[in-house]
């Protein structure tokens, strides 16, 4: 990792640049695939699955038999782990439910808000080099709690045309039955337009590579909502002499092994701390099965020495990391002053992996600086809020004059009239008569 000493603010943007291709580098292929799927449906899905995933699919939908057989392939230890994680994630997301609260804004005027689950949602589970069954938990559980009526899951098949049994088992555990063997751009296109096999949805969730991220942005332009432009994984750690360098190195590597476009950054106020962490990186990386990926990420990542705490929090807020780990003697300062981060992990014994799997928080988080404007996935992501109001005769008398004055001033006389006819009807004026007083 390259070490940078107290960079000037004017250089922060350059130093913090993500190792990702731009939208314009990728949009051509995404446009082509979307247009083809809109026109040719399942036939296009099969063609692109053969091209990108090297698989000839006879059926796009996962069968009931495949789902049933998956359970037999999962060891009991993994089933137990998935169930523990499921329970913790359910507890945390159920706690986000808000009870209906009726507010009387004026006497006789009642207003309230209720949540409704988005009717049709699509869940994209990345394929690539790791079966992310944990993402099934993170996305399907809040979708079920929110009351979404139709939940559609897409995951790219392996070379044998199958979905990893851990993904099928996890989906079955949460009662997800609409599963499809399709990934990448073509999966997002299928969820956007619908095909003979894959239903069209109203909102698409899930992380992915840069192609999936751009495809989701295209879906947004086609009238389909998305959770966020989630892309390659990233981690920033703020640390000092209070940190265990073994732990910090392990956290950096946990994100570095995701993929070659991941990024990890470590900021510290002590050069010796950074040197000790680097020594641990060199030791631990040799033990990783995915060490080639991790090496490439680490080579493109950075150590940053910053002595001033305010400068440190400023550069972190500028970067807006997906994951932020705090292991310092002054954690409270950083907790109070962090504005832009997807999820924060505090102390020597809080690895980022806990949030990825089993602590209960959601691991689908904004990347590429989008933590400045987006939250991570939560229960609200799967709902929309509908407002209600109920006004009595007394209530319309209390606020009617206010509405009349405001509507008349804006020149919207029909708006005014809708109130006036009600106010004057209380004085036995003909209800159907046009009132313009």
Protein backbone atom coordinates (compact mmCIF):
# COMPACT_ATOMS: atom_id res chain seq x y z
CA UNK A 1 0.00 0.00 0.00
CA UNK A 2 1.25 3.45 -0.85
CA UNK A 3 1.76 5.77 2.15
CA UNK A 4 0.72 9.41 1.81
CA UNK A 5 1.81 11.94 4.42
CA UNK A 6 -0.69 14.68 5.39
CA UNK A 7 -2.02 15.42 1.90
CA UNK A 8 -3.19 18.95 1.15
CA UNK A 9 -6.95 19.43 0.75
CA UNK A 10 -6.58 20.39 -2.89
CA UNK A 11 -5.20 16.87 -3.54
CA UNK A 12 -7.86 14.90 -1.68
CA UNK A 13 -10.11 14.28 -4.70
CA UNK A 14 -7.22 12.85 -6.71
CA UNK A 15 -5.91 10.74 -3.84
CA UNK A 16 -9.35 9.31 -3.00
CA UNK A 17 -10.33 8.45 -6.57
CA UNK A 18 -11.99 5.04 -6.88
CA UNK A 19 -10.51 2.44 -9.26
CA UNK A 20 -13.66 2.24 -11.36
CA UNK A 21 -14.56 2.78 -14.98
CA UNK A 22 -16.81 5.69 -15.82
CA UNK A 23 -20.43 5.44 -16.85
CA UNK A 24 -19.48 6.33 -20.41
CA UNK A 25 -17.02 3.44 -20.71
CA UNK A 26 -19.79 0.92 -20.05
CA UNK A 27 -23.04 2.40 -21.32
CA UNK A 28 -22.71 1.05 -24.86
CA UNK A 29 -22.92 -2.62 -23.88
CA UNK A 30 -25.68 -1.91 -21.33
CA UNK A 31 -27.81 -0.12 -23.95
CA UNK A 32 -27.34 -2.98 -26.38
CA UNK A 33 -28.36 -5.66 -23.87
CA UNK A 34 -31.37 -3.70 -22.61
CA UNK A 35 -32.69 -3.09 -26.13
CA UNK A 36 -32.27 -6.76 -27.03
CA UNK A 37 -34.07 -7.99 -23.91
CA UNK A 38 -36.95 -5.56 -24.42
CA UNK A 39 -37.37 -6.86 -27.96
CA UNK A 40 -36.55 -10.57 -27.60
CA UNK A 41 -37.22 -11.49 -23.96
CA UNK A 42 -36.14 -14.97 -22.87
CA UNK A 43 -34.32 -15.67 -26.15
CA UNK A 44 -32.02 -12.71 -25.44
CA UNK A 45 -31.50 -13.85 -21.83
CA UNK A 46 -30.35 -17.28 -23.02
CA UNK A 47 -28.04 -15.76 -25.61
CA UNK A 48 -26.35 -13.39 -23.15
CA UNK A 49 -26.10 -16.09 -20.49
CA UNK A 50 -24.23 -18.22 -23.02
CA UNK A 51 -22.03 -15.27 -24.02
CA UNK A 52 -21.18 -13.94 -20.55
CA UNK A 53 -21.58 -16.99 -18.28
CA UNK A 54 -20.72 -19.75 -20.81
CA UNK A 55 -23.91 -21.65 -20.01
CA UNK A 56 -26.65 -23.01 -22.27
CA UNK A 57 -29.90 -22.72 -20.30
CA UNK A 58 -32.89 -24.89 -21.07
CA UNK A 59 -34.99 -23.31 -18.32
CA UNK A 60 -34.47 -19.87 -16.81
CA UNK A 61 -36.65 -20.45 -13.76
CA UNK A 62 -35.36 -22.52 -10.84
CA UNK A 63 -37.58 -25.57 -10.35
CA UNK A 64 -39.18 -26.70 -7.10
CA UNK A 65 -37.08 -29.86 -7.28
CA UNK A 66 -33.86 -27.82 -7.44
CA UNK A 67 -34.92 -25.83 -4.39
CA UNK A 68 -35.86 -29.00 -2.50
CA UNK A 69 -32.60 -30.78 -3.38
CA UNK A 70 -30.52 -27.80 -2.27
CA UNK A 71 -31.37 -28.37 1.39
CA UNK A 72 -29.84 -31.86 1.22
CA UNK A 73 -26.53 -30.41 0.02
CA UNK A 74 -26.10 -27.96 2.90
CA UNK A 75 -24.21 -29.10 6.03
CA UNK A 76 -26.05 -28.66 9.31
CA UNK A 77 -23.38 -26.30 10.62
CA UNK A 78 -24.06 -23.91 7.74
CA UNK A 79 -27.82 -24.21 8.22
CA UNK A 80 -27.40 -23.31 11.88
CA UNK A 81 -25.21 -20.30 10.99
CA UNK A 82 -27.72 -19.07 8.40
CA UNK A 83 -30.56 -19.40 10.91
CA UNK A 84 -28.69 -17.43 13.59
CA UNK A 85 -27.93 -14.67 11.09
CA UNK A 86 -31.54 -14.72 9.89
CA UNK A 87 -32.85 -14.24 13.42
CA UNK A 88 -30.52 -11.31 14.13
CA UNK A 89 -31.31 -9.59 10.83
CA UNK A 90 -35.04 -10.06 11.44
CA UNK A 91 -34.78 -8.55 14.94
CA UNK A 92 -32.95 -5.47 13.71
CA UNK A 93 -35.21 -4.83 10.73
CA UNK A 94 -38.45 -5.49 12.62
CA UNK A 95 -37.34 -2.82 15.10
CA UNK A 96 -37.56 -0.31 12.23
CA UNK A 97 -41.33 -0.75 11.96
CA UNK A 98 -43.15 2.48 12.83
CA UNK A 99 -46.62 2.34 14.35
CA UNK A 100 -49.37 4.50 12.94
CA UNK A 101 -49.64 7.76 14.88
CA UNK A 102 -52.62 10.04 14.36
CA UNK A 103 -51.80 13.75 14.79
CA UNK A 104 -54.51 16.36 15.30
CA UNK A 105 -52.92 19.36 13.57
CA UNK A 106 -55.95 21.57 14.30
CA UNK A 107 -59.12 20.72 16.19
CA UNK A 108 -61.13 18.46 13.90
CA UNK A 109 -58.20 17.86 11.51
CA UNK A 110 -56.48 14.47 11.81
CA UNK A 111 -53.43 13.45 9.76
CA UNK A 112 -51.39 10.26 9.78
CA UNK A 113 -48.99 8.19 7.74
CA UNK A 114 -48.98 4.47 6.96
CA UNK A 115 -46.38 2.24 5.30
CA UNK A 116 -47.20 -0.04 2.40
CA UNK A 117 -44.79 -2.60 1.02
CA UNK A 118 -43.70 -2.02 -2.58
CA UNK A 119 -45.84 -4.49 -4.49
CA UNK A 120 -43.19 -6.02 -6.79
CA UNK A 121 -39.46 -6.02 -5.99
CA UNK A 122 -36.47 -7.62 -7.67
CA UNK A 123 -33.49 -8.90 -5.71
CA UNK A 124 -30.20 -9.27 -7.54
CA UNK A 125 -27.64 -11.58 -5.96
CA UNK A 126 -24.18 -11.30 -7.55
CA UNK A 127 -22.38 -14.38 -8.80
CA UNK A 128 -18.76 -14.10 -9.75
CA UNK A 129 -16.22 -15.78 -7.53
CA UNK A 130 -18.31 -16.16 -4.35
CA UNK A 131 -21.91 -17.32 -3.67
CA UNK A 132 -23.35 -14.40 -1.71
CA UNK A 133 -26.17 -16.20 0.09
CA UNK A 134 -25.78 -13.61 2.86
CA UNK A 135 -27.16 -11.00 0.46
CA UNK A 136 -30.33 -13.09 0.14
CA UNK A 137 -30.82 -12.64 3.89
CA UNK A 138 -30.09 -8.91 3.75
CA UNK A 139 -32.57 -8.18 0.96
CA UNK A 140 -35.30 -10.80 1.23
CA UNK A 141 -35.85 -10.48 5.00
CA UNK A 142 -36.79 -6.76 5.00
CA UNK A 143 -38.83 -7.31 1.82
CA UNK A 144 -40.91 -9.94 3.62
CA UNK A 145 -41.22 -7.83 6.79
CA UNK A 146 -42.33 -4.84 4.67
CA UNK A 147 -45.10 -6.91 3.10
CA UNK A 148 -43.92 -6.88 -0.53
CA UNK A 149 -46.36 -9.12 -2.40
CA UNK A 150 -44.04 -10.34 -5.17
CA UNK A 151 -40.33 -10.92 -4.57
CA UNK A 152 -38.27 -11.99 -7.59
CA UNK A 153 -34.69 -13.20 -7.14
CA UNK A 154 -32.06 -13.37 -9.91
CA UNK A 155 -28.65 -14.98 -9.61
CA UNK A 156 -26.22 -16.01 -12.37
CA UNK A 157 -25.80 -19.77 -12.85
CA UNK A 158 -22.51 -21.60 -12.49
CA UNK A 159 -20.81 -23.38 -15.37
CA UNK A 160 -23.20 -26.33 -14.91
CA UNK A 161 -26.27 -24.12 -15.19
CA UNK A 162 -27.06 -24.36 -11.47
CA UNK A 163 -27.54 -21.93 -8.60
CA UNK A 164 -25.38 -22.48 -5.53
CA UNK A 165 -27.37 -24.61 -3.04
CA UNK A 166 -26.66 -22.18 -0.18
CA UNK A 167 -28.45 -19.44 -2.12
CA UNK A 168 -31.41 -21.71 -2.88
CA UNK A 169 -31.61 -22.93 0.73
CA UNK A 170 -31.51 -19.38 2.11
CA UNK A 171 -34.18 -18.19 -0.33
CA UNK A 172 -36.40 -21.15 0.56
CA UNK A 173 -35.93 -20.45 4.28
CA UNK A 174 -37.40 -16.97 3.75
CA UNK A 175 -40.19 -18.35 1.51
CA UNK A 176 -38.87 -16.83 -1.73
CA UNK A 177 -40.13 -19.02 -4.57
CA UNK A 178 -39.56 -16.97 -7.74
CA UNK A 179 -35.91 -17.59 -8.54
CA UNK A 180 -34.22 -17.24 -11.93
CA UNK A 181 -30.86 -18.30 -13.37
CA UNK A 182 -29.82 -15.01 -14.85
CA UNK A 183 -27.14 -12.50 -13.88
CA UNK A 184 -25.35 -9.32 -14.83
CA UNK A 185 -26.77 -6.72 -17.17
CA UNK A 186 -29.30 -9.19 -18.56
CA UNK A 187 -30.81 -9.83 -15.11
CA UNK A 188 -31.36 -6.12 -14.51
CA UNK A 189 -32.82 -5.78 -18.01
CA UNK A 190 -35.20 -8.69 -17.39
CA UNK A 191 -36.44 -7.18 -14.12
CA UNK A 192 -36.85 -3.82 -15.87
CA UNK A 193 -38.92 -4.94 -18.87
CA UNK A 194 -40.14 -8.40 -17.89
CA UNK A 195 -39.78 -11.44 -20.17
CA UNK A 196 -41.77 -14.63 -20.77
CA UNK A 197 -40.16 -16.09 -17.64
CA UNK A 198 -38.99 -13.19 -15.45
CA UNK A 199 -41.65 -10.81 -14.07
CA UNK A 200 -41.22 -7.06 -14.35
CA UNK A 201 -40.79 -5.36 -10.97
CA UNK A 202 -41.19 -1.84 -9.58
CA UNK A 203 -37.87 -1.60 -7.70
CA UNK A 204 -34.55 -3.42 -8.02
CA UNK A 205 -32.22 -4.17 -5.11
CA UNK A 206 -28.77 -5.64 -4.83
CA UNK A 207 -25.07 -5.02 -5.28
CA UNK A 208 -22.97 -6.03 -8.25
CA UNK A 209 -20.02 -5.19 -10.42
CA UNK A 210 -19.68 -2.00 -12.43
CA UNK A 211 -21.84 -3.39 -15.25
CA UNK A 212 -24.67 -4.17 -12.85
CA UNK A 213 -24.36 -0.71 -11.30
CA UNK A 214 -24.64 1.00 -14.69
CA UNK A 215 -27.52 -1.33 -15.65
CA UNK A 216 -29.41 -0.29 -12.52
CA UNK A 217 -28.95 3.35 -13.47
CA UNK A 218 -30.37 2.53 -16.91
CA UNK A 219 -33.33 0.84 -15.20
CA UNK A 220 -33.91 4.07 -13.30
CA UNK A 221 -34.19 5.89 -16.62
CA UNK A 222 -36.83 3.36 -17.69
CA UNK A 223 -39.09 4.17 -14.74
CA UNK A 224 -37.89 1.41 -12.39
CA UNK A 225 -36.69 2.47 -8.94
CA UNK A 226 -33.43 1.16 -7.49
CA UNK A 227 -32.08 0.89 -3.97
CA UNK A 228 -28.86 2.78 -4.74
CA UNK A 229 -25.96 2.74 -7.21
CA UNK A 230 -24.08 0.10 -5.20
CA UNK A 231 -20.84 -0.94 -6.82
CA UNK A 232 -17.44 -2.40 -5.86
CA UNK A 233 -16.80 -2.81 -2.15
CA UNK A 234 -14.73 -0.31 -0.15
CA UNK A 235 -13.48 0.16 3.40
CA UNK A 236 -11.82 2.99 5.30
CA UNK A 237 -10.26 2.51 8.73
CA UNK A 238 -9.33 5.30 11.16
CA UNK A 239 -6.84 4.01 13.68
CA UNK A 240 -4.08 4.91 16.13
CA UNK A 241 -1.79 3.20 18.65
CA UNK A 242 -4.82 1.75 20.51
CA UNK A 243 -5.55 -0.58 17.60
CA UNK A 244 -4.41 -4.16 17.24
CA UNK A 245 -2.49 -4.22 13.92
CA UNK A 246 -3.40 -7.88 13.40
CA UNK A 247 -7.09 -7.00 13.55
CA UNK A 248 -6.75 -3.95 11.30
CA UNK A 249 -4.84 -5.89 8.65
CA UNK A 250 -7.46 -8.64 8.70
CA UNK A 251 -10.22 -6.07 8.14
CA UNK A 252 -8.39 -4.48 5.21
CA UNK A 253 -7.93 -7.89 3.61
CA UNK A 254 -11.56 -8.86 4.22
CA UNK A 255 -12.60 -6.18 1.75
CA UNK A 256 -9.59 -6.53 -0.55
CA UNK A 257 -10.57 -10.11 -1.38
CA UNK A 258 -13.98 -9.08 -2.81
CA UNK A 259 -12.67 -8.20 -6.26
CA UNK A 260 -9.93 -6.37 -8.09
CA UNK A 261 -12.01 -3.18 -8.27
CA UNK A 262 -12.42 -2.99 -4.47
CA UNK A 263 -10.60 -0.31 -2.49
CA UNK A 264 -9.28 -0.12 1.08
CA UNK A 265 -7.80 2.89 2.88
CA UNK A 266 -6.25 3.19 6.33
CA UNK A 267 -5.82 6.59 8.04
CA UNK A 268 -3.64 6.86 11.15
CA UNK A 269 -1.87 9.52 13.20
CA UNK A 270 1.20 7.37 13.76
CA UNK A 271 3.65 6.10 11.11
CA UNK A 272 4.74 3.18 13.30
CA UNK A 273 1.13 2.01 13.47
CA UNK A 274 0.90 2.04 9.68
CA UNK A 275 4.20 0.16 9.38
CA UNK A 276 3.00 -2.53 11.80
CA UNK A 277 -0.27 -2.92 9.91
CA UNK A 278 1.64 -3.28 6.64
CA UNK A 279 3.78 -6.04 8.14
CA UNK A 280 0.64 -7.90 9.16
CA UNK A 281 -0.85 -7.45 5.70
CA UNK A 282 2.20 -9.11 4.16
CA UNK A 283 1.93 -12.02 6.58
CA UNK A 284 -1.80 -12.61 6.41
CA UNK A 285 -2.21 -12.20 2.67
CA UNK A 286 -0.12 -15.32 2.05
CA UNK A 287 -2.71 -17.44 3.88
CA UNK A 288 -5.65 -16.37 1.70
CA UNK A 289 -7.05 -18.58 -1.06
CA UNK A 290 -7.96 -15.35 -2.90
CA UNK A 291 -4.56 -13.78 -2.33
CA UNK A 292 -4.05 -12.84 -5.98
CA UNK A 293 -7.16 -10.65 -5.90
CA UNK A 294 -6.20 -9.21 -2.51
CA UNK A 295 -2.67 -8.41 -3.66
CA UNK A 296 -3.94 -6.41 -6.63
CA UNK A 297 -6.33 -4.42 -4.43
CA UNK A 298 -3.72 -3.78 -1.74
CA UNK A 299 -1.24 -2.58 -4.37
CA UNK A 300 -3.74 0.07 -5.47
CA UNK A 301 -4.86 1.06 -1.97
CA UNK A 302 -3.47 3.65 0.43
CA UNK A 303 -2.17 4.37 3.89
CA UNK A 304 -2.73 8.02 4.84
CA UNK A 305 -0.90 9.66 7.74
CA UNK A 306 -2.89 12.54 9.26
CA UNK A 307 -2.13 13.97 12.68
CA UNK A 308 -5.08 16.36 13.05
CA UNK A 309 -8.41 14.81 14.09
CA UNK A 310 -10.51 17.42 12.30
CA UNK A 311 -8.58 16.90 9.06
CA UNK A 312 -9.06 13.17 9.48
CA UNK A 313 -12.84 13.38 9.83
CA UNK A 314 -12.99 15.89 6.97
CA UNK A 315 -11.17 13.58 4.57
CA UNK A 316 -13.40 10.68 5.62
CA UNK A 317 -16.55 12.72 5.02
CA UNK A 318 -15.13 13.73 1.65
CA UNK A 319 -14.53 10.09 0.73
CA UNK A 320 -17.90 8.88 2.14
CA UNK A 321 -16.89 5.22 2.61
CA UNK A 322 -19.24 2.29 2.29
CA UNK A 323 -17.72 0.80 5.45
CA UNK A 324 -15.97 2.82 8.16
CA UNK A 325 -14.08 1.18 11.03
CA UNK A 326 -13.09 3.28 14.06
CA UNK A 327 -10.34 1.92 16.29
CA UNK A 328 -8.98 4.94 18.15
CA UNK A 329 -8.70 6.45 21.61
CA UNK A 330 -11.18 9.10 20.45
CA UNK A 331 -13.97 7.05 18.88
CA UNK A 332 -16.66 9.31 20.33
CA UNK A 333 -15.29 12.30 18.39
CA UNK A 334 -15.53 10.42 15.11
CA UNK A 335 -18.96 8.97 15.91
CA UNK A 336 -20.32 12.45 16.62
CA UNK A 337 -18.77 14.03 13.53
CA UNK A 338 -19.19 11.41 10.85
CA UNK A 339 -21.71 12.59 8.27
CA UNK A 340 -21.01 10.44 5.23
CA UNK A 341 -20.68 6.67 5.69
CA UNK A 342 -22.73 3.62 4.83
CA UNK A 343 -22.13 1.66 8.04
CA UNK A 344 -19.80 2.26 10.99
CA UNK A 345 -17.95 -0.38 13.04
CA UNK A 346 -16.55 0.68 16.41
CA UNK A 347 -13.68 -0.78 18.41
CA UNK A 348 -11.11 -3.55 18.19
CA UNK A 349 -13.71 -6.31 18.40
CA UNK A 350 -16.13 -5.10 15.73
CA UNK A 351 -14.97 -6.50 12.39
CA UNK A 352 -16.70 -5.38 9.22
CA UNK A 353 -17.45 -9.06 8.59
CA UNK A 354 -19.96 -8.96 11.45
CA UNK A 355 -22.12 -6.53 9.50
CA UNK A 356 -21.67 -8.57 6.34
CA UNK A 357 -23.17 -11.65 7.93
CA UNK A 358 -24.73 -11.87 11.33
CA UNK A 359 -24.82 -8.84 13.65
CA UNK A 360 -28.18 -7.74 12.24
CA UNK A 361 -27.45 -4.56 10.26
CA UNK A 362 -27.78 -4.60 6.49
CA UNK A 363 -24.73 -5.04 4.29
CA UNK A 364 -26.20 -3.54 1.12
CA UNK A 365 -24.64 -0.10 1.33
CA UNK A 366 -23.88 2.93 -0.85
CA UNK A 367 -20.46 2.98 -2.51
CA UNK A 368 -18.52 5.29 -4.80
CA UNK A 369 -19.27 8.33 -2.62
CA UNK A 370 -23.04 7.84 -2.68
CA UNK A 371 -23.04 7.64 1.13
CA UNK A 372 -23.21 11.44 0.89
CA UNK A 373 -26.83 11.16 -0.24
CA UNK A 374 -27.98 7.53 0.18
CA UNK A 375 -28.65 5.33 3.20
CA UNK A 376 -27.93 1.64 3.27
CA UNK A 377 -30.82 -0.73 2.64
CA UNK A 378 -33.30 -0.83 5.53
CA UNK A 379 -36.97 -1.58 6.06
CA UNK A 380 -38.01 1.78 4.61
CA UNK A 381 -36.27 0.85 1.35
CA UNK A 382 -39.03 -1.69 0.70
CA UNK A 383 -41.94 0.53 1.64
CA UNK A 384 -43.61 3.70 0.54
CA UNK A 385 -45.42 6.05 2.86
CA UNK A 386 -49.03 7.03 2.21
CA UNK A 387 -50.46 10.01 4.09
CA UNK A 388 -54.07 10.11 5.26
CA UNK A 389 -56.24 12.90 6.61
CA UNK A 390 -59.72 13.14 8.01
CA UNK A 391 -61.44 16.48 8.56
CA UNK A 392 -64.71 17.04 10.42
CA UNK A 393 -67.17 19.91 9.92
CA UNK A 394 -65.51 21.62 12.86
CA UNK A 395 -62.11 21.03 11.30
CA UNK A 396 -62.95 22.56 7.91
CA UNK A 397 -64.36 25.60 9.73
CA UNK A 398 -61.06 25.91 11.62
CA UNK A 399 -58.72 25.81 8.62
CA UNK A 400 -61.05 26.69 5.74
CA UNK A 401 -60.39 30.44 5.70
CA UNK A 402 -56.63 29.78 5.63
CA UNK A 403 -57.03 27.52 2.59
CA UNK A 404 -59.29 30.03 0.81
CA UNK A 405 -56.83 32.90 1.24
CA UNK A 406 -53.86 30.83 0.06
CA UNK A 407 -55.67 29.34 -2.96
CA UNK A 408 -57.08 32.71 -4.05
CA UNK A 409 -53.65 34.33 -3.79
CA UNK A 410 -52.19 31.64 -6.04
CA UNK A 411 -54.99 32.18 -8.54
CA UNK A 412 -56.42 28.67 -8.11
CA UNK A 413 -60.08 29.51 -7.67
CA UNK A 414 -61.37 25.96 -8.06
CA UNK A 415 -59.14 24.97 -5.13
CA UNK A 416 -60.70 27.82 -3.11
CA UNK A 417 -64.19 26.84 -4.22
CA UNK A 418 -63.77 23.27 -2.96
CA UNK A 419 -63.48 24.74 0.54
CA UNK A 420 -65.99 27.55 0.11
CA UNK A 421 -68.89 25.23 -0.84
CA UNK A 422 -68.29 23.29 2.35
CA UNK A 423 -68.08 26.36 4.57
CA UNK A 424 -71.23 27.91 3.15
CA UNK A 425 -73.16 24.65 3.15
CA UNK A 426 -73.09 24.86 6.93
CA UNK A 427 -75.23 28.02 6.57
CA UNK A 428 -77.87 26.16 4.50
CA UNK A 429 -76.68 27.50 1.13
CA UNK A 430 -77.47 25.23 -1.84
CA UNK A 431 -74.62 22.69 -1.88
CA UNK A 432 -74.49 22.57 -5.69
CA UNK A 433 -74.39 26.34 -6.20
CA UNK A 434 -71.13 27.83 -7.45
CA UNK A 435 -69.68 30.04 -4.75
CA UNK A 436 -67.15 32.75 -5.54
CA UNK A 437 -67.24 34.96 -2.50
